[in-house]
PDB file of N, CA and C in Angstrom:
ATOM      1  N   MET A   1      54.568 109.143 132.623  1.00  0.00           N
ATOM      2  CA  MET A   1      54.183 109.361 131.430  1.00  0.00           C
ATOM      3  C   MET A   1      54.115 107.309 130.556  1.00  0.00           C
ATOM      4  N   ARG A   2      52.987 107.437 130.071  1.00  0.00           N
ATOM      5  CA  ARG A   2      52.730 106.391 129.091  1.00  0.00           C
ATOM      6  C   ARG A   2      53.180 106.059 127.869  1.00  0.00           C
ATOM      7  N   LEU A   3      54.513 104.728 127.856  1.00  0.00           N
ATOM      8  CA  LEU A   3      54.451 104.896 126.369  1.00  0.00           C
ATOM      9  C   LEU A   3      53.560 105.349 125.334  1.00  0.00           C
ATOM     10  N   ARG A   4      51.844 105.482 124.873  1.00  0.00           N
ATOM     11  CA  ARG A   4      51.818 106.031 123.971  1.00  0.00           C
ATOM     12  C   ARG A   4      51.386 107.512 123.903  1.00  0.00           C
ATOM     13  N   ASP A   5      50.777 107.778 125.598  1.00  0.00           N
ATOM     14  CA  ASP A   5      50.510 109.628 125.168  1.00  0.00           C
ATOM     15  C   ASP A   5      51.771 110.769 125.025  1.00  0.00           C
ATOM     16  N   THR A   6      53.117 108.719 124.881  1.00  0.00           N
ATOM     17  CA  THR A   6      53.723 109.491 124.377  1.00  0.00           C
ATOM     18  C   THR A   6      54.271 109.816 123.474  1.00  0.00           C
ATOM     19  N   LEU A   7      53.818 109.169 122.625  1.00  0.00           N
ATOM     20  CA  LEU A   7      54.616 108.534 121.296  1.00  0.00           C
ATOM     21  C   LEU A   7      53.081 109.459 120.648  1.00  0.00           C
ATOM     22  N   LEU A   8      51.981 110.316 120.691  1.00  0.00           N
ATOM     23  CA  LEU A   8      50.952 110.629 120.453  1.00  0.00           C
ATOM     24  C   LEU A   8      51.455 112.574 120.828  1.00  0.00           C
ATOM     25  N   TYR A   9      52.236 113.059 121.815  1.00  0.00           N
ATOM     26  CA  TYR A   9      53.053 114.626 121.771  1.00  0.00           C
ATOM     27  C   TYR A   9      53.895 114.598 120.779  1.00  0.00           C
ATOM     28  N   THR A  10      54.769 113.423 121.200  1.00  0.00           N
ATOM     29  CA  THR A  10      55.771 113.486 119.414  1.00  0.00           C
ATOM     30  C   THR A  10      55.050 113.699 118.491  1.00  0.00           C
ATOM     31  N   SER A  11      54.066 112.951 118.322  1.00  0.00           N
ATOM     32  CA  SER A  11      53.400 112.772 117.122  1.00  0.00           C
ATOM     33  C   SER A  11      52.614 114.582 116.255  1.00  0.00           C
ATOM     34  N   VAL A  12      52.006 114.601 117.493  1.00  0.00           N
ATOM     35  CA  VAL A  12      51.437 116.190 117.575  1.00  0.00           C
ATOM     36  C   VAL A  12      52.678 117.644 117.326  1.00  0.00           C
ATOM     37  N   LEU A  13      53.768 116.580 118.036  1.00  0.00           N
ATOM     38  CA  LEU A  13      54.795 117.941 118.361  1.00  0.00           C
ATOM     39  C   LEU A  13      55.468 118.081 116.531  1.00  0.00           C
ATOM     40  N   CYS A  14      55.624 116.579 116.147  1.00  0.00           N
ATOM     41  CA  CYS A  14      56.348 117.176 115.065  1.00  0.00           C
ATOM     42  C   CYS A  14      55.795 117.205 113.788  1.00  0.00           C
ATOM     43  N   VAL A  15      54.553 116.946 113.685  1.00  0.00           N
ATOM     44  CA  VAL A  15      53.847 117.256 112.822  1.00  0.00           C
ATOM     45  C   VAL A  15      53.584 118.586 112.534  1.00  0.00           C
ATOM     46  N   GLY A  16      53.596 119.260 113.656  1.00  0.00           N
ATOM     47  CA  GLY A  16      53.270 121.014 113.633  1.00  0.00           C
ATOM     48  C   GLY A  16      54.114 120.895 113.258  1.00  0.00           C
ATOM     49  N   SER A  17      55.934 120.900 113.396  1.00  0.00           N
ATOM     50  CA  SER A  17      56.806 120.996 113.211  1.00  0.00           C
ATOM     51  C   SER A  17      57.447 121.286 112.173  1.00  0.00           C
ATOM     52  N   GLY A  18      57.157 120.068 111.489  1.00  0.00           N
ATOM     53  CA  GLY A  18      57.302 119.790 109.999  1.00  0.00           C
ATOM     54  C   GLY A  18      56.296 120.568 109.311  1.00  0.00           C
ATOM     55  N   LEU A  19      55.306 121.045 110.003  1.00  0.00           N
ATOM     56  CA  LEU A  19      54.583 121.809 108.641  1.00  0.00           C
ATOM     57  C   LEU A  19      54.818 122.998 108.709  1.00  0.00           C
ATOM     58  N   VAL A  20      55.555 123.738 109.614  1.00  0.00           N
ATOM     59  CA  VAL A  20      56.064 124.414 109.955  1.00  0.00           C
ATOM     60  C   VAL A  20      57.087 125.035 108.931  1.00  0.00           C
ATOM     61  N   HIS A  21      58.178 123.976 109.481  1.00  0.00           N
ATOM     62  CA  HIS A  21      59.600 123.952 108.130  1.00  0.00           C
ATOM     63  C   HIS A  21      59.186 123.722 106.707  1.00  0.00           C
ATOM     64  N   LEU A  22      57.697 123.525 106.861  1.00  0.00           N
ATOM     65  CA  LEU A  22      57.523 124.259 104.996  1.00  0.00           C
ATOM     66  C   LEU A  22      56.420 124.894 104.316  1.00  0.00           C
ATOM     67  N   PHE A  23      56.136 125.267 105.621  1.00  0.00           N
ATOM     68  CA  PHE A  23      55.462 126.178 104.463  1.00  0.00           C
ATOM     69  C   PHE A  23      55.949 127.837 105.668  1.00  0.00           C
ATOM     70  N   ALA A  24      56.762 127.685 106.314  1.00  0.00           N
ATOM     71  CA  ALA A  24      57.291 129.471 106.639  1.00  0.00           C
ATOM     72  C   ALA A  24      58.655 129.401 107.075  1.00  0.00           C
ATOM     73  N   PRO A  25      59.448 128.399 105.962  1.00  0.00           N
ATOM     74  CA  PRO A  25      61.029 128.666 106.357  1.00  0.00           C
ATOM     75  C   PRO A  25      61.768 129.702 106.170  1.00  0.00           C
ATOM     76  N   GLY A  26      61.279 130.924 105.756  1.00  0.00           N
ATOM     77  CA  GLY A  26      61.742 131.895 105.752  1.00  0.00           C
ATOM     78  C   GLY A  26      60.758 133.121 106.777  1.00  0.00           C
ATOM     79  N   GLN A  27      60.134 132.281 107.432  1.00  0.00           N
ATOM     80  CA  GLN A  27      59.973 133.248 109.291  1.00  0.00           C
ATOM     81  C   GLN A  27      60.631 132.183 109.772  1.00  0.00           C
ATOM     82  N   LEU A  28      61.186 131.145 110.166  1.00  0.00           N
ATOM     83  CA  LEU A  28      62.020 130.706 110.633  1.00  0.00           C
ATOM     84  C   LEU A  28      63.561 130.497 110.324  1.00  0.00           C
ATOM     85  N   LEU A  29      63.478 131.058 109.318  1.00  0.00           N
ATOM     86  CA  LEU A  29      65.109 131.614 109.242  1.00  0.00           C
ATOM     87  C   LEU A  29      65.176 132.843 109.523  1.00  0.00           C
ATOM     88  N   ALA A  30      64.763 134.751 109.292  1.00  0.00           N
ATOM     89  CA  ALA A  30      64.145 135.317 110.581  1.00  0.00           C
ATOM     90  C   ALA A  30      64.617 134.930 111.894  1.00  0.00           C
ATOM     91  N   THR A  31      64.145 134.553 112.664  1.00  0.00           N
ATOM     92  CA  THR A  31      63.658 134.321 112.937  1.00  0.00           C
ATOM     93  C   THR A  31      64.820 133.248 114.295  1.00  0.00           C
ATOM     94  N   ALA A  32      65.715 132.892 113.529  1.00  0.00           N
ATOM     95  CA  ALA A  32      67.471 131.940 113.749  1.00  0.00           C
ATOM     96  C   ALA A  32      67.926 133.028 113.993  1.00  0.00           C
ATOM     97  N   ALA A  33      67.620 133.471 113.431  1.00  0.00           N
ATOM     98  CA  ALA A  33      68.724 134.656 112.980  1.00  0.00           C
ATOM     99  C   ALA A  33      68.785 136.372 113.863  1.00  0.00           C
ATOM    100  N   TRP A  34      67.558 136.261 114.310  1.00  0.00           N
ATOM    101  CA  TRP A  34      66.858 136.982 115.068  1.00  0.00           C
ATOM    102  C   TRP A  34      67.675 136.417 116.997  1.00  0.00           C
ATOM    103  N   ALA A  35      67.455 135.189 116.735  1.00  0.00           N
ATOM    104  CA  ALA A  35      68.207 134.908 118.357  1.00  0.00           C
ATOM    105  C   ALA A  35      69.581 134.693 118.391  1.00  0.00           C
ATOM    106  N   TYR A  36      70.247 134.047 117.069  1.00  0.00           N
ATOM    107  CA  TYR A  36      71.554 134.337 117.186  1.00  0.00           C
ATOM    108  C   TYR A  36      72.615 135.894 117.317  1.00  0.00           C
ATOM    109  N   ASP A  37      71.653 136.525 116.724  1.00  0.00           N
ATOM    110  CA  ASP A  37      71.940 138.137 117.740  1.00  0.00           C
ATOM    111  C   ASP A  37      71.942 138.730 118.325  1.00  0.00           C
ATOM    112  N   ARG A  38      70.801 138.001 118.976  1.00  0.00           N
ATOM    113  CA  ARG A  38      70.634 138.759 120.432  1.00  0.00           C
ATOM    114  C   ARG A  38      71.036 137.902 121.202  1.00  0.00           C
ATOM    115  N   LEU A  39      71.115 136.435 121.534  1.00  0.00           N
ATOM    116  CA  LEU A  39      71.883 136.065 122.578  1.00  0.00           C
ATOM    117  C   LEU A  39      72.980 134.990 122.196  1.00  0.00           C
ATOM    118  N   LEU A  40      73.358 135.249 120.947  1.00  0.00           N
ATOM    119  CA  LEU A  40      74.932 134.828 120.933  1.00  0.00           C
ATOM    120  C   LEU A  40      75.580 135.740 120.890  1.00  0.00           C
ATOM    121  N   ALA A  41      75.031 136.994 119.785  1.00  0.00           N
ATOM    122  CA  ALA A  41      75.304 138.015 119.228  1.00  0.00           C
ATOM    123  C   ALA A  41      76.839 137.641 118.076  1.00  0.00           C
ATOM    124  N   VAL A  42      76.357 136.855 117.592  1.00  0.00           N
ATOM    125  CA  VAL A  42      76.258 135.958 115.705  1.00  0.00           C
ATOM    126  C   VAL A  42      75.797 136.652 114.638  1.00  0.00           C
ATOM    127  N   ASP A  43      77.373 137.256 114.047  1.00  0.00           N
ATOM    128  CA  ASP A  43      75.729 137.678 112.564  1.00  0.00           C
ATOM    129  C   ASP A  43      75.150 136.187 111.773  1.00  0.00           C
ATOM    130  N   PHE A  44      73.808 136.263 111.536  1.00  0.00           N
ATOM    131  CA  PHE A  44      73.456 135.220 111.287  1.00  0.00           C
ATOM    132  C   PHE A  44      73.289 134.958 109.681  1.00  0.00           C
ATOM    133  N   GLN A  45      72.987 134.848 108.351  1.00  0.00           N
ATOM    134  CA  GLN A  45      73.575 134.602 107.073  1.00  0.00           C
ATOM    135  C   GLN A  45      73.203 133.372 106.723  1.00  0.00           C
ATOM    136  N   PRO A  46      71.773 133.626 106.255  1.00  0.00           N
ATOM    137  CA  PRO A  46      71.655 132.143 105.270  1.00  0.00           C
ATOM    138  C   PRO A  46      72.188 131.866 104.459  1.00  0.00           C
ATOM    139  N   ARG A  47      72.406 131.025 103.804  1.00  0.00           N
ATOM    140  CA  ARG A  47      73.297 130.856 102.395  1.00  0.00           C
ATOM    141  C   ARG A  47      71.513 130.305 101.508  1.00  0.00           C
ATOM    142  N   PRO A  48      71.809 131.505 100.785  1.00  0.00           N
ATOM    143  CA  PRO A  48      70.459 130.883  99.077  1.00  0.00           C
ATOM    144  C   PRO A  48      69.926 129.591  99.070  1.00  0.00           C
ATOM    145  N   ALA A  49      70.571 128.563  99.619  1.00  0.00           N
ATOM    146  CA  ALA A  49      69.720 126.757 100.381  1.00  0.00           C
ATOM    147  C   ALA A  49      69.441 127.038 101.074  1.00  0.00           C
ATOM    148  N   ALA A  50      69.081 127.761 102.375  1.00  0.00           N
ATOM    149  CA  ALA A  50      69.050 128.087 103.040  1.00  0.00           C
ATOM    150  C   ALA A  50      66.759 128.169 102.929  1.00  0.00           C
ATOM    151  N   ARG A  51      66.599 127.748 103.095  1.00  0.00           N
ATOM    152  CA  ARG A  51      65.085 127.662 102.872  1.00  0.00           C
ATOM    153  C   ARG A  51      64.711 125.977 101.822  1.00  0.00           C
ATOM    154  N   THR A  52      65.481 125.687 100.753  1.00  0.00           N
ATOM    155  CA  THR A  52      64.944 124.031 100.890  1.00  0.00           C
ATOM    156  C   THR A  52      65.533 123.510 102.016  1.00  0.00           C
ATOM    157  N   ARG A  53      66.806 124.053 102.363  1.00  0.00           N
ATOM    158  CA  ARG A  53      67.435 122.972 103.850  1.00  0.00           C
ATOM    159  C   ARG A  53      65.989 122.876 104.728  1.00  0.00           C
ATOM    160  N   VAL A  54      66.179 123.821 104.721  1.00  0.00           N
ATOM    161  CA  VAL A  54      64.264 124.255 105.958  1.00  0.00           C
ATOM    162  C   VAL A  54      63.310 123.229 106.109  1.00  0.00           C
ATOM    163  N   ARG A  55      63.004 123.013 104.474  1.00  0.00           N
ATOM    164  CA  ARG A  55      61.554 122.521 103.810  1.00  0.00           C
ATOM    165  C   ARG A  55      61.914 120.649 103.863  1.00  0.00           C
ATOM    166  N   LEU A  56      63.309 120.111 103.514  1.00  0.00           N
ATOM    167  CA  LEU A  56      64.072 119.275 104.068  1.00  0.00           C
ATOM    168  C   LEU A  56      63.590 118.920 104.571  1.00  0.00           C
ATOM    169  N   VAL A  57      64.332 119.620 106.361  1.00  0.00           N
ATOM    170  CA  VAL A  57      64.031 119.075 107.457  1.00  0.00           C
ATOM    171  C   VAL A  57      62.406 119.111 107.985  1.00  0.00           C
ATOM    172  N   GLY A  58      62.433 119.952 107.115  1.00  0.00           N
ATOM    173  CA  GLY A  58      60.266 120.258 107.224  1.00  0.00           C
ATOM    174  C   GLY A  58      59.446 118.526 107.042  1.00  0.00           C
ATOM    175  N   VAL A  59      60.045 117.822 105.935  1.00  0.00           N
ATOM    176  CA  VAL A  59      59.488 116.306 105.538  1.00  0.00           C
ATOM    177  C   VAL A  59      60.365 115.272 106.727  1.00  0.00           C
ATOM    178  N   ALA A  60      61.497 115.718 106.476  1.00  0.00           N
ATOM    179  CA  ALA A  60      62.214 114.129 108.216  1.00  0.00           C
ATOM    180  C   ALA A  60      61.398 114.291 108.760  1.00  0.00           C
ATOM    181  N   VAL A  61      61.349 115.858 109.695  1.00  0.00           N
ATOM    182  CA  VAL A  61      60.262 115.866 111.145  1.00  0.00           C
ATOM    183  C   VAL A  61      58.854 115.645 110.716  1.00  0.00           C
ATOM    184  N   LEU A  62      58.060 115.357 109.917  1.00  0.00           N
ATOM    185  CA  LEU A  62      57.302 115.300 109.257  1.00  0.00           C
ATOM    186  C   LEU A  62      56.966 113.843 109.391  1.00  0.00           C
ATOM    187  N   LEU A  63      57.951 112.829 108.344  1.00  0.00           N
ATOM    188  CA  LEU A  63      57.910 111.495 108.689  1.00  0.00           C
ATOM    189  C   LEU A  63      58.096 110.993 109.727  1.00  0.00           C
ATOM    190  N   VAL A  64      59.235 111.484 110.764  1.00  0.00           N
ATOM    191  CA  VAL A  64      59.183 110.885 112.403  1.00  0.00           C
ATOM    192  C   VAL A  64      57.696 110.748 113.061  1.00  0.00           C
ATOM    193  N   GLY A  65      57.346 112.516 112.802  1.00  0.00           N
ATOM    194  CA  GLY A  65      55.714 112.603 113.147  1.00  0.00           C
ATOM    195  C   GLY A  65      55.021 111.301 112.485  1.00  0.00           C
ATOM    196  N   LEU A  66      55.161 110.980 111.573  1.00  0.00           N
ATOM    197  CA  LEU A  66      53.904 110.446 110.368  1.00  0.00           C
ATOM    198  C   LEU A  66      54.683 108.862 111.682  1.00  0.00           C
ATOM    199  N   LEU A  67      55.150 108.621 111.942  1.00  0.00           N
ATOM    200  CA  LEU A  67      55.932 107.047 112.085  1.00  0.00           C
ATOM    201  C   LEU A  67      55.514 106.727 113.772  1.00  0.00           C
ATOM    202  N   ALA A  68      55.741 107.989 114.395  1.00  0.00           N
ATOM    203  CA  ALA A  68      54.762 108.363 115.866  1.00  0.00           C
ATOM    204  C   ALA A  68      53.957 108.130 116.285  1.00  0.00           C
ATOM    205  N   ASP A  69      53.024 108.365 114.787  1.00  0.00           N
ATOM    206  CA  ASP A  69      51.152 108.536 115.084  1.00  0.00           C
ATOM    207  C   ASP A  69      50.719 106.413 114.593  1.00  0.00           C
ATOM    208  N   ARG A  70      51.191 105.940 114.061  1.00  0.00           N
ATOM    209  CA  ARG A  70      52.036 104.898 113.315  1.00  0.00           C
ATOM    210  C   ARG A  70      51.805 103.578 114.210  1.00  0.00           C
ATOM    211  N   ALA A  71      52.778 103.734 114.848  1.00  0.00           N
ATOM    212  CA  ALA A  71      53.687 103.399 116.395  1.00  0.00           C
ATOM    213  C   ALA A  71      52.133 103.497 117.672  1.00  0.00           C
ATOM    214  N   ARG A  72      51.488 104.688 117.782  1.00  0.00           N
ATOM    215  CA  ARG A  72      51.236 104.867 118.926  1.00  0.00           C
ATOM    216  C   ARG A  72      49.344 103.815 118.684  1.00  0.00           C
ATOM    217  N   ARG A  73      49.060 103.509 116.861  1.00  0.00           N
ATOM    218  CA  ARG A  73      47.973 102.990 116.416  1.00  0.00           C
ATOM    219  C   ARG A  73      47.828 102.249 116.388  1.00  0.00           C
ATOM    220  N   GLY A  74      49.811 101.394 116.340  1.00  0.00           N
ATOM    221  CA  GLY A  74      49.958  99.854 116.417  1.00  0.00           C
ATOM    222  C   GLY A  74      49.826  99.848 118.143  1.00  0.00           C
ATOM    223  N   ILE A  75      49.914 100.243 119.012  1.00  0.00           N
ATOM    224  CA  ILE A  75      49.988  99.558 120.405  1.00  0.00           C
ATOM    225  C   ILE A  75      48.504  99.783 120.914  1.00  0.00           C
ATOM    226  N   ASP A  76      47.657 101.001 120.288  1.00  0.00           N
ATOM    227  CA  ASP A  76      46.076 100.544 120.368  1.00  0.00           C
ATOM    228  C   ASP A  76      46.234  99.791 119.376  1.00  0.00           C
ATOM    229  N   ARG A  77      45.724  99.137 118.707  1.00  0.00           N
ATOM    230  CA  ARG A  77      45.603  97.800 117.981  1.00  0.00           C
ATOM    231  C   ARG A  77      45.958  95.813 118.691  1.00  0.00           C
ATOM    232  N   VAL A  78      46.968  96.466 119.636  1.00  0.00           N
ATOM    233  CA  VAL A  78      47.882  95.127 120.592  1.00  0.00           C
ATOM    234  C   VAL A  78      46.380  95.339 121.668  1.00  0.00           C
ATOM    235  N   ARG A  79      46.461  96.648 122.023  1.00  0.00           N
ATOM    236  CA  ARG A  79      45.942  96.519 123.121  1.00  0.00           C
ATOM    237  C   ARG A  79      43.732  95.661 123.061  1.00  0.00           C
ATOM    238  N   ASP A  80      43.724  96.839 122.358  1.00  0.00           N
ATOM    239  CA  ASP A  80      42.479  95.817 121.285  1.00  0.00           C
ATOM    240  C   ASP A  80      42.067  94.516 121.011  1.00  0.00           C
ATOM    241  N   ARG A  81      43.368  93.652 121.326  1.00  0.00           N
ATOM    242  CA  ARG A  81      42.991  92.621 121.211  1.00  0.00           C
ATOM    243  C   ARG A  81      43.162  91.893 122.457  1.00  0.00           C
ATOM    244  N   ALA A  82      44.338  92.042 123.263  1.00  0.00           N
ATOM    245  CA  ALA A  82      44.887  92.104 124.893  1.00  0.00           C
ATOM    246  C   ALA A  82      43.120  92.065 125.761  1.00  0.00           C
TER     247      ALA A  82
END
């Protein structure tokens, strides 16, 4: 797989994941609670500020996606010059 394609997939996945973290933190925490209960047999109790932390992770992942897209576009510009 080429670097450009890898950056494209990374960008799409990170932006999508970041948006889910930003707009659906409650559902993500509910999914984590379900997975912990079913797979690890552990009681998962998110703390009051958990939604805020999930949203902050979303911002970080979204930024990584945007940086990956910028790098992909940089590769396209270099290729077009050659």
